[in-house]
Amino acid sequence: MEPREDNFNEEFDVEMAERGDLVEGTVLRADVDGLWLDIASKYDAFLPLEECTSELIHQVQEGNVPTSIDVIVTKTNDDKGYISVSQKRAAYRKLWKDVEEWEKSGEVRKLKAVSADDKGVFVDLGSGILGYVPASQLDIRFVRDTKKYIGHTLRVKVLRVNRRKNQVILTQREVLEKEQKERAEKSWDHLKDSDIVRGHVSRITDEGIFVDLGDHIEGFVPKDELDWRPIKNIARVFRRGDVVRAKVLSVDDEKKEMTLSIRLATPNPWQLFAEKHAVGDIVSGRVLRYLRGGLLLLVDRVTGLVPAQEVSWKRGAKAEDLFKIGDHVKAKIVSFNEETQDLILSIKEAQGDPWENVEKDFPVGSHAQGTVVNITDFGVFVELAPGVEGLVPRRYVSWKRFKDISEIVKVGDQVEVIVLGINTTDRKITLSMRDTKPDPWEEVAQNIQPGQLVRGKVVTVIPQGVFVEIAEGVEGFIHVSQLSTRRIDDPKDAVNEGDEIVAKVIGIDEERRRISLSVKAIHVDKEREELQEFLSEQGDDKFTLSDILGNLLGREVSL
């Protein structure tokens, strides 16, 4: 590698060039090792390829050699008569000067991200210098996936410079925050009362929700302004990220606070309901919840109450047994007040009055199945259909004697009845349970005759005597005087309820449905038979039974 002799002579004072000087050189020629330059027409200088930036090397290889290059003197080479220079160092120095000026100016530049690690992104500043954008400075919100920025252009400015450590820390976050602030200021200037805005729910509290309108503007929606209907649990209605539409109620420019109303951003549903429906209309609603035995329905965005007594025609029906939350049901509008926002509904009225066809469905004399819904001292109430009940008077409960109706039937029992009468005006139906079975007295005339012995159970004991059940639904009465051959003042001294006894039928009154019984008659008959047997053994010339009884009674007795 030889210097160019014709340009380097004894008049050149190479000592005037010092290391570190930044000078401009004119390219004389290029060879495989580097470039020969002329410095101020005074010096020959050699620029090795390794002291060139990659950009310059690429230009030389492509044949696009520049006419002049800024370089830094690295060696004076006094003994060789030429100086050594570095274009890479000159570019590096120039770049750092540019970075320092960039830092002072606060200018925003567009740079391409070339690589990334877990903590940030690298951008190419040129001349082998990389700028670094930490993950916290990539966006307004912290970024976890830094690699997604590789190949993308970032808009950054200098955050800080440390030349000693060769560090250039950049930020895109401050650029974005400044732009956001400017947009927010502009948006605040344009926002006014009654404006309709859109945003997404950013926070939820017990008092209301905060809505992010973008550009770092947040508005608050009080609980009462969330909906036309009351909301108890806000978190069950709204979720973070939900997009909402709201009306601006007030704007405080100084505090940068805004109050919004989602309710007023929608038409008044009570007014729309009044325009669409009238009392008596049948509407469809969705069950929201159970309330005081009734239901709360959502009908066309308004809530209506179905009182407990309007849920079903069925006596004692519970709303939670008939409907589930979310069920869709039809109901009739009973009353409506737009001003007080009161809506009363009836599900049972929407189903029709069951008494309209009661005479057709349950004609007099017909048999029907029903459910015992109530028991009183005077009878049994039986539900024949939802909303249709009939009364079984006490005397029609059973052919059998009883003290308490609950001995015969209980609430919830399924029973068969016969319709005895219907009064549609008073909504009353008379029923009979006993008449569904044969009248036991019809068999009395055929199977029981005076003088016959019968077996039965004592069912009632009164001072005058005892009642004995001799067949289901058939009782006989034993007067106290007929309980024994000896004198008895209190029947309880002779028998107890539940005792089984044998008695003789001494009389039947079919018209009054009475059977007279006697225990005493059985003993008298037995004694008479024993006496007759004794007299028979005595011969014909002895006294007869009639004579003996006649003497005892003081009168003539016919046997």
Protein backbone atom coordinates (compact mmCIF):
# COMPACT_ATOMS: atom_id res chain seq x y z
CA MET A 1 0.00 0.00 0.00
CA GLU A 2 1.90 3.07 -1.27
CA PRO A 3 1.04 6.79 -1.02
CA ARG A 4 0.47 8.78 -4.15
CA GLU A 5 3.92 10.38 -4.79
CA ASP A 6 2.83 13.19 -7.07
CA ASN A 7 0.60 14.63 -4.37
CA PHE A 8 2.86 14.12 -1.38
CA ASN A 9 6.14 16.18 -1.35
CA GLU A 10 8.48 17.84 1.05
CA GLU A 11 6.28 20.96 1.42
CA PHE A 12 3.57 18.89 3.25
CA ASP A 13 3.70 19.31 7.05
CA VAL A 14 1.96 16.21 8.35
CA GLU A 15 2.46 17.31 11.93
CA MET A 16 -0.33 19.87 11.41
CA ALA A 17 -2.87 17.01 11.36
CA GLU A 18 -3.72 15.72 14.86
CA ARG A 19 -5.47 12.57 16.02
CA GLY A 20 -9.18 13.04 16.56
CA ASP A 21 -9.55 15.84 14.04
CA LEU A 22 -12.73 15.70 12.00
CA VAL A 23 -11.92 16.56 8.41
CA GLU A 24 -13.47 16.20 4.98
CA GLY A 25 -11.64 14.10 2.44
CA THR A 26 -12.03 13.87 -1.30
CA VAL A 27 -12.00 10.33 -2.66
CA LEU A 28 -9.07 9.77 -5.01
CA ARG A 29 -9.41 6.08 -5.68
CA ALA A 30 -10.55 2.80 -4.15
CA ASP A 31 -8.81 -0.53 -3.91
CA VAL A 32 -9.50 -3.84 -2.23
CA ASP A 33 -8.19 -2.62 1.13
CA GLY A 34 -9.87 0.74 1.32
CA LEU A 35 -10.10 4.27 -0.04
CA TRP A 36 -7.41 6.89 -0.68
CA LEU A 37 -8.45 10.41 0.18
CA ASP A 38 -7.12 13.90 -0.31
CA ILE A 39 -7.36 16.13 2.75
CA ALA A 40 -7.51 19.83 1.91
CA SER A 41 -5.15 19.27 -1.01
CA LYS A 42 -2.44 18.93 1.60
CA TYR A 43 -2.46 15.33 2.81
CA ASP A 44 -2.93 11.89 1.50
CA ALA A 45 -5.07 9.79 3.77
CA PHE A 46 -5.95 6.12 3.79
CA LEU A 47 -9.38 4.85 4.91
CA PRO A 48 -9.34 1.05 5.58
CA LEU A 49 -12.55 -0.82 4.82
CA GLU A 50 -12.81 -1.94 8.45
CA GLU A 51 -13.08 1.74 9.40
CA CYS A 52 -16.03 2.24 7.10
CA THR A 53 -19.67 1.93 8.08
CA SER A 54 -21.65 -0.92 6.56
CA GLU A 55 -23.56 1.61 4.48
CA LEU A 56 -20.36 3.01 2.92
CA ILE A 57 -18.95 -0.47 2.27
CA HIS A 58 -22.17 -1.39 0.49
CA GLN A 59 -21.90 1.75 -1.68
CA VAL A 60 -18.30 0.96 -2.64
CA GLN A 61 -19.14 -2.64 -3.48
CA GLU A 62 -22.01 -1.41 -5.67
CA GLY A 63 -19.62 0.99 -7.46
CA ASN A 64 -21.33 4.08 -6.03
CA VAL A 65 -18.21 5.60 -4.46
CA PRO A 66 -18.98 9.06 -2.97
CA THR A 67 -16.82 12.04 -4.05
CA SER A 68 -16.17 13.20 -0.46
CA ILE A 69 -16.31 11.65 2.98
CA ASP A 70 -16.14 13.03 6.52
CA VAL A 71 -13.45 11.19 8.49
CA ILE A 72 -11.55 11.37 11.77
CA VAL A 73 -7.76 11.27 11.88
CA THR A 74 -6.64 8.11 13.72
CA LYS A 75 -2.90 8.08 12.98
CA THR A 76 -0.55 10.68 11.51
CA ASN A 77 1.97 8.10 10.20
CA ASP A 78 4.80 10.65 10.12
CA ASP A 79 7.33 8.08 9.01
CA LYS A 80 5.18 6.93 6.07
CA GLY A 81 4.14 10.35 4.83
CA TYR A 82 0.34 9.80 4.98
CA ILE A 83 -2.33 9.79 7.64
CA SER A 84 -4.86 7.09 8.63
CA VAL A 85 -8.51 8.03 8.98
CA SER A 86 -11.84 6.43 10.07
CA GLN A 87 -15.20 7.15 8.50
CA LYS A 88 -16.92 4.91 11.09
CA ARG A 89 -15.67 7.06 13.97
CA ALA A 90 -16.65 10.23 12.19
CA ALA A 91 -20.17 8.90 11.65
CA TYR A 92 -20.28 7.76 15.28
CA ARG A 93 -19.22 11.19 16.53
CA LYS A 94 -21.66 12.92 14.24
CA LEU A 95 -24.47 10.59 15.33
CA TRP A 96 -23.84 11.25 19.02
CA LYS A 97 -23.87 14.97 18.38
CA ASP A 98 -27.17 14.50 16.55
CA VAL A 99 -28.54 12.46 19.46
CA GLU A 100 -27.57 15.18 21.94
CA GLU A 101 -29.29 17.81 19.80
CA TRP A 102 -32.28 15.48 19.42
CA GLU A 103 -32.49 15.13 23.19
CA LYS A 104 -32.45 18.90 23.66
CA SER A 105 -35.09 19.52 21.00
CA GLY A 106 -37.57 16.85 22.22
CA GLU A 107 -38.28 16.05 18.59
CA VAL A 108 -40.38 12.96 17.74
CA ARG A 109 -38.77 10.68 15.17
CA LYS A 110 -39.93 7.56 13.40
CA LEU A 111 -37.57 4.60 13.82
CA LYS A 112 -37.90 0.94 12.95
CA ALA A 113 -37.70 -1.76 15.63
CA VAL A 114 -35.03 -4.27 14.61
CA SER A 115 -34.95 -6.64 17.59
CA ALA A 116 -36.36 -7.16 21.07
CA ASP A 117 -35.75 -8.87 24.38
CA ASP A 118 -38.12 -9.54 27.30
CA LYS A 119 -37.58 -6.05 28.69
CA GLY A 120 -37.82 -3.86 25.61
CA VAL A 121 -37.24 -3.14 21.91
CA PHE A 122 -34.11 -2.05 19.98
CA VAL A 123 -34.25 0.52 17.16
CA ASP A 124 -31.48 1.28 14.66
CA LEU A 125 -30.04 4.80 15.00
CA GLY A 126 -27.34 4.17 12.36
CA SER A 127 -23.54 3.91 12.56
CA GLY A 128 -23.80 0.82 14.70
CA ILE A 129 -25.70 2.57 17.46
CA LEU A 130 -28.94 1.04 18.75
CA GLY A 131 -31.57 2.91 20.68
CA TYR A 132 -33.53 1.06 23.37
CA VAL A 133 -37.24 1.44 24.18
CA PRO A 134 -38.08 -0.28 27.53
CA ALA A 135 -41.37 -2.23 27.67
CA SER A 136 -42.78 0.37 30.07
CA GLN A 137 -42.15 3.07 27.44
CA LEU A 138 -43.70 1.30 24.45
CA ASP A 139 -47.31 2.21 25.18
CA ILE A 140 -49.51 3.98 27.72
CA ARG A 141 -50.30 0.58 29.22
CA PHE A 142 -47.52 -1.83 30.12
CA VAL A 143 -46.57 -4.16 27.26
CA ARG A 144 -45.72 -7.80 27.95
CA ASP A 145 -45.18 -9.06 24.41
CA THR A 146 -42.31 -6.89 23.14
CA LYS A 147 -41.51 -9.08 20.14
CA LYS A 148 -44.70 -8.08 18.36
CA TYR A 149 -43.11 -4.66 17.69
CA ILE A 150 -40.21 -6.07 15.61
CA GLY A 151 -40.39 -4.68 12.07
CA HIS A 152 -42.84 -1.93 13.07
CA THR A 153 -42.09 1.79 13.00
CA LEU A 154 -42.14 3.51 16.37
CA ARG A 155 -42.63 7.21 17.03
CA VAL A 156 -40.12 8.02 19.76
CA LYS A 157 -38.16 10.77 21.43
CA VAL A 158 -35.05 10.69 23.64
CA LEU A 159 -35.76 9.90 27.28
CA ARG A 160 -32.10 9.99 28.45
CA VAL A 161 -28.59 9.56 27.04
CA ASN A 162 -25.51 8.00 28.67
CA ARG A 163 -22.60 8.34 26.24
CA ARG A 164 -20.16 6.75 28.66
CA LYS A 165 -22.25 3.56 28.67
CA ASN A 166 -23.13 4.03 25.03
CA GLN A 167 -26.88 4.12 25.90
CA VAL A 168 -29.71 5.93 24.17
CA ILE A 169 -33.00 5.30 25.98
CA LEU A 170 -36.07 6.26 23.99
CA THR A 171 -39.79 6.54 24.80
CA GLN A 172 -42.91 6.17 22.73
CA ARG A 173 -45.16 6.32 25.79
CA GLU A 174 -44.53 10.04 26.42
CA VAL A 175 -45.34 10.73 22.79
CA LEU A 176 -48.63 8.85 23.03
CA GLU A 177 -49.53 10.39 26.40
CA LYS A 178 -48.92 13.88 25.07
CA GLU A 179 -51.08 13.20 22.04
CA GLN A 180 -53.77 11.68 24.26
CA LYS A 181 -53.70 14.71 26.54
CA GLU A 182 -54.03 17.04 23.57
CA ARG A 183 -56.97 15.03 22.23
CA ALA A 184 -58.54 15.01 25.71
CA GLU A 185 -58.22 18.78 26.02
CA LYS A 186 -59.78 19.17 22.62
CA SER A 187 -62.57 16.72 23.50
CA TRP A 188 -63.27 18.47 26.83
CA ASP A 189 -63.62 21.75 24.96
CA HIS A 190 -66.26 20.23 22.70
CA LEU A 191 -68.23 18.25 25.33
CA LYS A 192 -71.37 19.89 26.65
CA ASP A 193 -74.51 18.99 28.58
CA SER A 194 -77.03 16.71 26.82
CA ASP A 195 -74.41 15.31 24.42
CA ILE A 196 -74.77 11.57 23.69
CA VAL A 197 -71.47 9.72 24.09
CA ARG A 198 -70.26 6.14 23.82
CA GLY A 199 -67.68 4.32 25.89
CA HIS A 200 -66.87 1.12 27.71
CA VAL A 201 -67.29 0.31 31.39
CA SER A 202 -63.92 0.73 33.12
CA ARG A 203 -64.85 0.43 36.80
CA ILE A 204 -67.82 -0.76 38.86
CA THR A 205 -68.65 0.46 42.38
CA ASP A 206 -71.65 0.21 44.71
CA GLU A 207 -72.55 3.82 43.85
CA GLY A 208 -72.40 3.48 40.07
CA ILE A 209 -70.06 2.80 37.16
CA PHE A 210 -67.22 4.66 35.44
CA VAL A 211 -67.23 4.87 31.65
CA ASP A 212 -64.04 5.31 29.61
CA LEU A 213 -64.86 7.62 26.70
CA GLY A 214 -61.36 7.42 25.21
CA ASP A 215 -58.54 9.98 25.16
CA HIS A 216 -58.17 9.56 28.92
CA ILE A 217 -61.69 10.94 29.55
CA GLU A 218 -63.80 9.14 32.12
CA GLY A 219 -67.39 9.81 33.12
CA PHE A 220 -69.40 8.57 36.10
CA VAL A 221 -72.93 7.11 35.92
CA PRO A 222 -74.72 7.22 39.33
CA LYS A 223 -76.72 4.15 40.35
CA ASP A 224 -80.06 5.90 39.80
CA GLU A 225 -79.05 6.79 36.24
CA LEU A 226 -78.14 3.27 35.14
CA ASP A 227 -81.63 2.23 34.06
CA TRP A 228 -85.28 3.22 34.21
CA ARG A 229 -85.90 0.32 36.56
CA PRO A 230 -84.14 0.03 39.96
CA ILE A 231 -80.92 -1.99 40.02
CA LYS A 232 -79.87 -3.55 43.31
CA ASN A 233 -76.74 -5.42 42.26
CA ILE A 234 -74.87 -3.39 39.64
CA ALA A 235 -72.27 -6.12 39.05
CA ARG A 236 -75.02 -8.50 37.91
CA VAL A 237 -76.12 -6.09 35.16
CA PHE A 238 -72.84 -4.55 33.97
CA ARG A 239 -69.39 -6.02 33.29
CA ARG A 240 -66.05 -4.35 32.70
CA GLY A 241 -65.61 -3.77 28.98
CA ASP A 242 -69.35 -3.45 28.26
CA VAL A 243 -70.01 -0.80 25.61
CA VAL A 244 -72.64 1.70 26.76
CA ARG A 245 -74.38 4.78 25.39
CA ALA A 246 -74.96 7.67 27.80
CA LYS A 247 -76.16 11.24 27.99
CA VAL A 248 -73.95 13.98 29.46
CA LEU A 249 -75.64 15.45 32.55
CA SER A 250 -72.88 17.81 33.68
CA VAL A 251 -69.24 18.71 32.90
CA ASP A 252 -66.75 20.23 35.36
CA ASP A 253 -63.89 21.62 33.26
CA GLU A 254 -61.75 22.52 36.27
CA LYS A 255 -61.97 19.14 38.01
CA LYS A 256 -62.20 17.31 34.72
CA GLU A 257 -65.24 15.41 36.00
CA MET A 258 -68.29 14.35 34.05
CA THR A 259 -71.65 12.92 35.15
CA LEU A 260 -73.49 10.69 32.70
CA SER A 261 -76.88 8.96 32.44
CA ILE A 262 -77.42 5.71 30.62
CA ARG A 263 -81.10 5.88 31.56
CA LEU A 264 -81.73 9.19 29.76
CA ALA A 265 -79.88 8.01 26.66
CA THR A 266 -82.80 5.64 26.00
CA PRO A 267 -86.52 6.40 25.54
CA ASN A 268 -88.69 6.33 28.67
CA PRO A 269 -90.03 2.74 28.66
CA TRP A 270 -93.01 3.70 30.84
CA GLN A 271 -94.09 6.28 28.30
CA LEU A 272 -93.66 3.78 25.46
CA PHE A 273 -95.61 1.18 27.45
CA ALA A 274 -98.49 3.62 27.99
CA GLU A 275 -98.60 4.35 24.28
CA LYS A 276 -98.64 0.67 23.37
CA HIS A 277 -100.82 -0.99 26.06
CA ALA A 278 -104.01 -0.39 28.07
CA VAL A 279 -105.64 -1.95 31.13
CA GLY A 280 -107.13 -5.31 30.16
CA ASP A 281 -104.49 -6.11 27.54
CA ILE A 282 -102.73 -9.47 27.61
CA VAL A 283 -98.94 -9.06 27.56
CA SER A 284 -95.94 -11.39 27.64
CA GLY A 285 -93.29 -11.00 30.32
CA ARG A 286 -90.18 -12.66 31.71
CA VAL A 287 -89.98 -13.73 35.36
CA LEU A 288 -87.32 -11.62 37.11
CA ARG A 289 -87.74 -12.77 40.71
CA TYR A 290 -90.15 -13.91 43.41
CA LEU A 291 -91.64 -11.14 45.55
CA ARG A 292 -93.89 -11.46 48.62
CA GLY A 293 -95.45 -14.67 47.36
CA GLY A 294 -95.94 -13.17 43.90
CA LEU A 295 -93.77 -12.47 40.88
CA LEU A 296 -91.92 -9.56 39.32
CA LEU A 297 -92.19 -9.62 35.52
CA LEU A 298 -90.24 -7.66 32.91
CA VAL A 299 -92.63 -6.52 30.20
CA ASP A 300 -91.34 -4.30 27.38
CA ARG A 301 -88.49 -2.97 29.58
CA VAL A 302 -90.79 -2.11 32.50
CA THR A 303 -91.34 -4.20 35.63
CA GLY A 304 -94.78 -5.29 36.76
CA LEU A 305 -95.95 -7.02 39.93
CA VAL A 306 -98.09 -10.13 39.95
CA PRO A 307 -99.53 -10.29 43.51
CA ALA A 308 -99.66 -13.69 45.20
CA GLN A 309 -103.44 -13.93 44.73
CA GLU A 310 -103.08 -13.26 41.00
CA VAL A 311 -100.50 -15.97 40.28
CA SER A 312 -102.95 -18.86 39.88
CA TRP A 313 -106.57 -19.84 40.33
CA LYS A 314 -105.32 -22.79 42.35
CA ARG A 315 -105.74 -22.35 46.11
CA GLY A 316 -102.44 -22.01 47.99
CA ALA A 317 -100.36 -22.12 44.80
CA LYS A 318 -96.78 -20.92 45.30
CA ALA A 319 -95.16 -18.90 42.56
CA GLU A 320 -91.81 -20.67 42.93
CA ASP A 321 -93.53 -24.04 42.39
CA LEU A 322 -95.20 -22.88 39.17
CA PHE A 323 -92.55 -20.71 37.52
CA LYS A 324 -88.78 -20.48 37.25
CA ILE A 325 -86.68 -17.35 36.99
CA GLY A 326 -86.42 -16.53 33.29
CA ASP A 327 -89.71 -18.20 32.31
CA HIS A 328 -91.88 -16.32 29.82
CA VAL A 329 -95.54 -16.04 30.86
CA LYS A 330 -98.66 -14.23 29.73
CA ALA A 331 -100.42 -11.85 32.09
CA LYS A 332 -103.33 -9.43 32.03
CA ILE A 333 -102.84 -5.73 32.85
CA VAL A 334 -104.95 -5.06 35.96
CA SER A 335 -103.78 -1.49 36.61
CA PHE A 336 -101.12 0.90 35.28
CA ASN A 337 -99.86 4.32 36.44
CA GLU A 338 -97.21 5.96 34.26
CA GLU A 339 -96.43 8.73 36.76
CA THR A 340 -95.82 6.46 39.75
CA GLN A 341 -94.44 3.72 37.47
CA ASP A 342 -96.73 1.07 38.94
CA LEU A 343 -97.88 -1.92 36.91
CA ILE A 344 -100.10 -4.64 38.39
CA LEU A 345 -100.55 -7.85 36.41
CA SER A 346 -102.56 -11.05 36.74
CA ILE A 347 -101.46 -14.38 35.35
CA LYS A 348 -104.65 -16.16 36.35
CA GLU A 349 -106.86 -13.57 34.63
CA ALA A 350 -104.91 -14.13 31.43
CA GLN A 351 -105.86 -17.80 31.61
CA GLY A 352 -109.63 -17.08 31.70
CA ASP A 353 -112.25 -17.48 34.46
CA PRO A 354 -112.67 -21.21 35.23
CA TRP A 355 -116.24 -20.55 36.47
CA GLU A 356 -117.42 -19.59 32.99
CA ASN A 357 -117.84 -23.27 32.01
CA VAL A 358 -118.28 -24.83 35.44
CA GLU A 359 -121.87 -26.05 34.78
CA LYS A 360 -120.67 -27.68 31.58
CA ASP A 361 -117.55 -29.17 33.10
CA PHE A 362 -119.23 -30.36 36.33
CA PRO A 363 -122.98 -30.88 35.75
CA VAL A 364 -125.22 -31.70 38.70
CA GLY A 365 -125.25 -35.44 39.36
CA SER A 366 -121.88 -36.05 37.74
CA HIS A 367 -118.96 -37.73 39.42
CA ALA A 368 -115.64 -35.85 39.68
CA GLN A 369 -112.18 -36.25 41.14
CA GLY A 370 -110.74 -33.55 43.35
CA THR A 371 -108.15 -32.66 45.95
CA VAL A 372 -108.97 -31.85 49.57
CA VAL A 373 -107.64 -28.31 50.13
CA ASN A 374 -109.25 -27.43 53.48
CA ILE A 375 -111.13 -29.06 56.35
CA THR A 376 -113.49 -27.19 58.71
CA ASP A 377 -115.97 -28.19 61.39
CA PHE A 378 -118.81 -27.84 58.90
CA GLY A 379 -117.30 -29.73 55.99
CA VAL A 380 -114.55 -30.36 53.46
CA PHE A 381 -113.43 -28.08 50.60
CA VAL A 382 -112.46 -29.97 47.47
CA GLU A 383 -110.67 -28.40 44.47
CA LEU A 384 -112.17 -29.75 41.27
CA ALA A 385 -109.97 -27.58 38.99
CA PRO A 386 -107.69 -24.59 39.52
CA GLY A 387 -109.98 -21.86 40.85
CA VAL A 388 -113.01 -24.15 41.20
CA GLU A 389 -113.79 -25.49 44.67
CA GLY A 390 -116.81 -27.19 46.13
CA LEU A 391 -117.98 -27.88 49.70
CA VAL A 392 -118.78 -31.31 51.05
CA PRO A 393 -121.07 -30.57 54.03
CA ARG A 394 -120.31 -32.58 57.14
CA ARG A 395 -123.33 -34.85 56.73
CA TYR A 396 -122.18 -35.74 53.19
CA VAL A 397 -118.64 -36.69 54.15
CA SER A 398 -119.37 -40.32 55.03
CA TRP A 399 -122.13 -42.78 55.87
CA LYS A 400 -120.02 -43.64 58.87
CA ARG A 401 -120.39 -41.82 62.22
CA PHE A 402 -117.31 -39.76 63.13
CA LYS A 403 -116.31 -37.12 65.63
CA ASP A 404 -113.65 -35.36 63.60
CA ILE A 405 -113.68 -35.11 59.81
CA SER A 406 -109.92 -35.71 59.80
CA GLU A 407 -110.72 -39.28 60.82
CA ILE A 408 -112.20 -39.73 57.35
CA VAL A 409 -110.07 -37.52 55.08
CA LYS A 410 -107.00 -35.28 55.21
CA VAL A 411 -105.79 -32.22 53.29
CA GLY A 412 -104.11 -33.31 50.07
CA ASP A 413 -106.15 -36.50 49.68
CA GLN A 414 -107.59 -37.29 46.27
CA VAL A 415 -111.30 -37.97 46.63
CA GLU A 416 -114.26 -38.85 44.45
CA VAL A 417 -117.36 -36.68 44.78
CA ILE A 418 -120.82 -36.24 43.29
CA VAL A 419 -122.02 -32.77 42.34
CA LEU A 420 -125.23 -32.07 44.27
CA GLY A 421 -125.78 -28.44 43.32
CA ILE A 422 -124.20 -25.36 41.66
CA ASN A 423 -124.73 -21.66 42.41
CA THR A 424 -122.76 -19.72 39.77
CA THR A 425 -123.84 -16.34 41.19
CA ASP A 426 -122.24 -16.98 44.58
CA ARG A 427 -119.65 -19.34 43.05
CA LYS A 428 -120.66 -22.23 45.29
CA ILE A 429 -120.79 -25.96 44.54
CA THR A 430 -122.26 -28.53 46.92
CA LEU A 431 -120.62 -31.95 46.81
CA SER A 432 -121.03 -35.33 48.43
CA MET A 433 -118.37 -37.88 49.19
CA ARG A 434 -120.66 -40.39 50.88
CA ASP A 435 -123.04 -40.71 47.93
CA THR A 436 -120.25 -42.13 45.77
CA LYS A 437 -120.78 -45.34 47.78
CA PRO A 438 -123.99 -47.44 48.19
CA ASP A 439 -126.35 -46.49 51.03
CA PRO A 440 -125.67 -49.14 53.70
CA TRP A 441 -129.31 -48.88 54.88
CA GLU A 442 -130.39 -50.46 51.62
CA GLU A 443 -128.89 -53.69 52.87
CA VAL A 444 -130.35 -53.36 56.37
CA ALA A 445 -133.87 -54.25 55.27
CA GLN A 446 -132.56 -57.34 53.50
CA ASN A 447 -130.02 -58.65 55.99
CA ILE A 448 -131.09 -57.48 59.45
CA GLN A 449 -134.43 -58.43 61.05
CA PRO A 450 -135.87 -57.90 64.56
CA GLY A 451 -134.90 -60.74 66.91
CA GLN A 452 -131.61 -61.28 65.09
CA LEU A 453 -128.34 -61.30 67.02
CA VAL A 454 -125.67 -58.94 65.71
CA ARG A 455 -122.06 -58.26 66.61
CA GLY A 456 -120.63 -54.72 66.66
CA LYS A 457 -118.16 -52.27 68.17
CA VAL A 458 -119.06 -49.57 70.65
CA VAL A 459 -118.34 -46.23 68.91
CA THR A 460 -120.00 -43.73 71.27
CA VAL A 461 -121.05 -43.80 74.92
CA ILE A 462 -123.57 -41.26 76.18
CA PRO A 463 -125.54 -41.10 79.45
CA GLN A 464 -128.64 -42.49 77.73
CA GLY A 465 -126.86 -45.50 76.26
CA VAL A 466 -124.33 -46.56 73.65
CA PHE A 467 -124.08 -46.55 69.86
CA VAL A 468 -122.78 -49.72 68.26
CA GLU A 469 -121.49 -49.94 64.68
CA ILE A 470 -122.86 -53.19 63.31
CA ALA A 471 -121.87 -52.55 59.68
CA GLU A 472 -120.00 -49.80 57.83
CA GLY A 473 -122.26 -46.75 58.02
CA VAL A 474 -124.92 -48.58 60.08
CA GLU A 475 -125.25 -48.09 63.83
CA GLY A 476 -127.63 -49.40 66.41
CA PHE A 477 -128.52 -47.88 69.78
CA ILE A 478 -128.63 -49.74 73.10
CA HIS A 479 -130.56 -47.85 75.75
CA VAL A 480 -128.94 -47.89 79.19
CA SER A 481 -131.86 -50.00 80.44
CA GLN A 482 -131.02 -52.64 77.81
CA LEU A 483 -127.37 -53.02 78.68
CA SER A 484 -127.87 -55.59 81.46
CA THR A 485 -130.40 -57.46 83.52
CA ARG A 486 -129.14 -55.56 86.55
CA ARG A 487 -129.70 -51.84 87.07
CA ILE A 488 -127.03 -49.58 85.49
CA ASP A 489 -126.96 -45.82 86.13
CA ASP A 490 -123.94 -44.96 83.94
CA PRO A 491 -123.32 -46.89 80.67
CA LYS A 492 -119.58 -46.42 81.18
CA ASP A 493 -119.82 -48.82 84.12
CA ALA A 494 -120.79 -51.53 81.66
CA VAL A 495 -118.94 -50.83 78.39
CA ASN A 496 -116.20 -48.68 76.89
CA GLU A 497 -115.71 -47.24 73.42
CA GLY A 498 -114.02 -49.81 71.23
CA ASP A 499 -115.54 -52.83 73.05
CA GLU A 500 -117.03 -55.52 70.85
CA ILE A 501 -120.41 -56.79 72.03
CA VAL A 502 -123.25 -59.00 70.85
CA ALA A 503 -126.77 -57.58 70.99
CA LYS A 504 -130.27 -58.52 69.90
CA VAL A 505 -132.19 -56.43 67.35
CA ILE A 506 -135.37 -55.40 69.10
CA GLY A 507 -136.60 -52.79 66.63
CA ILE A 508 -135.91 -51.21 63.18
CA ASP A 509 -137.20 -47.79 62.04
CA GLU A 510 -136.17 -47.56 58.37
CA GLU A 511 -137.72 -44.14 57.89
CA ARG A 512 -135.75 -42.61 60.74
CA ARG A 513 -132.75 -44.91 60.07
CA ARG A 514 -132.70 -46.27 63.60
CA ILE A 515 -132.01 -49.75 64.95
CA SER A 516 -132.74 -50.57 68.57
CA LEU A 517 -130.53 -53.18 70.23
CA SER A 518 -130.54 -54.96 73.55
CA VAL A 519 -127.99 -56.97 75.49
CA LYS A 520 -130.46 -57.54 78.28
CA ALA A 521 -132.88 -59.35 75.92
CA ILE A 522 -130.23 -61.96 75.23
CA HIS A 523 -129.90 -62.74 78.96
CA VAL A 524 -133.68 -62.84 79.40
CA ASP A 525 -134.01 -65.24 76.49
CA LYS A 526 -131.30 -67.44 77.94
CA GLU A 527 -132.94 -67.52 81.36
CA ARG A 528 -136.31 -68.26 79.76
CA GLU A 529 -134.83 -71.16 77.82
CA GLU A 530 -133.23 -72.54 80.98
CA LEU A 531 -136.50 -72.21 82.91
CA GLN A 532 -138.51 -73.77 80.12
CA GLU A 533 -136.10 -76.65 80.09
CA PHE A 534 -136.50 -77.06 83.86
CA LEU A 535 -140.31 -77.05 83.65
CA SER A 536 -140.24 -79.58 80.86
CA GLU A 537 -138.36 -81.92 83.17
CA GLN A 538 -141.03 -81.48 85.90
CA GLY A 539 -143.93 -82.89 83.87
CA ASP A 540 -147.24 -81.59 82.55
CA ASP A 541 -148.86 -81.15 85.93
CA LYS A 542 -146.39 -78.54 87.02
CA PHE A 543 -146.58 -74.80 86.61
CA THR A 544 -145.89 -73.36 83.19
CA LEU A 545 -143.40 -70.56 82.43
CA SER A 546 -146.35 -68.22 81.79
CA ASP A 547 -147.73 -68.96 85.19
CA ILE A 548 -144.44 -68.26 86.90
CA LEU A 549 -143.78 -65.01 84.99
CA GLY A 550 -147.38 -63.96 85.42
CA ASN A 551 -147.21 -64.40 89.17
CA LEU A 552 -143.93 -62.47 89.26
CA LEU A 553 -145.32 -59.66 87.19
CA GLY A 554 -148.82 -59.74 88.72
CA ARG A 555 -150.45 -60.14 85.32
CA GLU A 556 -151.18 -62.71 82.65
CA VAL A 557 -148.31 -63.47 80.33
CA SER A 558 -148.66 -65.04 76.92
CA LEU A 559 -145.71 -67.08 75.64
